[in-house]
């Protein structure tokens, strides 16, 4: 039985983190060398957070 109260938000956050980790793994495996900080920011969509459209 699922716990009552407040878990939906935590699950949503956990799923988002898992998705971002997966995207980083895919990008790293496709790269010929280590990912640059700029590449990591691009994969994690950091610029979109700083400059929302």
C-alpha atoms as a PDB file:
ATOM      1  CA  UNK A   1       0.000   0.000   0.000  1.00  0.00           C
ATOM      2  CA  UNK A   2       1.305   3.462  -0.941  1.00  0.00           C
ATOM      3  CA  UNK A   3       2.021   5.977   1.825  1.00  0.00           C
ATOM      4  CA  UNK A   4      -0.562   8.724   2.193  1.00  0.00           C
ATOM      5  CA  UNK A   5       0.228  12.414   1.652  1.00  0.00           C
ATOM      6  CA  UNK A   6       2.987  14.343  -0.047  1.00  0.00           C
ATOM      7  CA  UNK A   7       4.670  11.594  -2.032  1.00  0.00           C
ATOM      8  CA  UNK A   8       3.473  12.732  -5.470  1.00  0.00           C
ATOM      9  CA  UNK A   9       5.729  15.794  -5.425  1.00  0.00           C
ATOM     10  CA  UNK A  10       8.718  13.771  -4.286  1.00  0.00           C
ATOM     11  CA  UNK A  11       8.074  11.175  -6.978  1.00  0.00           C
ATOM     12  CA  UNK A  12       7.819  13.900  -9.623  1.00  0.00           C
ATOM     13  CA  UNK A  13      11.147  15.381  -8.549  1.00  0.00           C
ATOM     14  CA  UNK A  14      12.799  11.956  -8.427  1.00  0.00           C
ATOM     15  CA  UNK A  15      11.552  11.116 -11.924  1.00  0.00           C
ATOM     16  CA  UNK A  16      12.869  14.424 -13.264  1.00  0.00           C
ATOM     17  CA  UNK A  17      16.286  13.743 -11.707  1.00  0.00           C
ATOM     18  CA  UNK A  18      16.359  10.233 -13.170  1.00  0.00           C
ATOM     19  CA  UNK A  19      15.479  11.612 -16.608  1.00  0.00           C
ATOM     20  CA  UNK A  20      18.290  14.191 -16.430  1.00  0.00           C
ATOM     21  CA  UNK A  21      20.783  11.536 -15.309  1.00  0.00           C
ATOM     22  CA  UNK A  22      19.731   9.378 -18.238  1.00  0.00           C
ATOM     23  CA  UNK A  23      20.227  12.258 -20.651  1.00  0.00           C
ATOM     24  CA  UNK A  24      23.713  12.873 -19.230  1.00  0.00           C
ATOM     25  CA  UNK A  25      24.602   9.188 -19.610  1.00  0.00           C
ATOM     26  CA  UNK A  26      23.444   9.199 -23.240  1.00  0.00           C
ATOM     27  CA  UNK A  27      25.409  12.377 -24.001  1.00  0.00           C
ATOM     28  CA  UNK A  28      28.535  11.040 -22.287  1.00  0.00           C
ATOM     29  CA  UNK A  29      28.370   7.722 -24.129  1.00  0.00           C
ATOM     30  CA  UNK A  30      27.989   9.501 -27.486  1.00  0.00           C
ATOM     31  CA  UNK A  31      30.896  11.892 -26.832  1.00  0.00           C
ATOM     32  CA  UNK A  32      34.407  11.111 -28.025  1.00  0.00           C
ATOM     33  CA  UNK A  33      35.944  12.761 -24.956  1.00  0.00           C
ATOM     34  CA  UNK A  34      34.814  14.071 -21.590  1.00  0.00           C
ATOM     35  CA  UNK A  35      31.826  16.403 -21.672  1.00  0.00           C
ATOM     36  CA  UNK A  36      32.710  20.052 -21.217  1.00  0.00           C
ATOM     37  CA  UNK A  37      30.896  22.095 -18.597  1.00  0.00           C
ATOM     38  CA  UNK A  38      29.077  23.867 -21.426  1.00  0.00           C
ATOM     39  CA  UNK A  39      27.935  20.524 -22.862  1.00  0.00           C
ATOM     40  CA  UNK A  40      26.690  19.387 -19.461  1.00  0.00           C
ATOM     41  CA  UNK A  41      24.799  22.661 -19.019  1.00  0.00           C
ATOM     42  CA  UNK A  42      23.243  22.174 -22.465  1.00  0.00           C
ATOM     43  CA  UNK A  43      22.131  18.619 -21.653  1.00  0.00           C
ATOM     44  CA  UNK A  44      20.697  19.731 -18.305  1.00  0.00           C
ATOM     45  CA  UNK A  45      19.055  22.762 -19.948  1.00  0.00           C
ATOM     46  CA  UNK A  46      20.689  25.126 -17.458  1.00  0.00           C
ATOM     47  CA  UNK A  47      20.599  28.088 -19.864  1.00  0.00           C
ATOM     48  CA  UNK A  48      16.832  27.659 -20.239  1.00  0.00           C
ATOM     49  CA  UNK A  49      16.455  28.038 -16.475  1.00  0.00           C
ATOM     50  CA  UNK A  50      18.629  31.153 -16.373  1.00  0.00           C
ATOM     51  CA  UNK A  51      16.942  32.797 -19.370  1.00  0.00           C
ATOM     52  CA  UNK A  52      13.309  31.656 -19.493  1.00  0.00           C
ATOM     53  CA  UNK A  53      11.601  32.606 -22.740  1.00  0.00           C
END
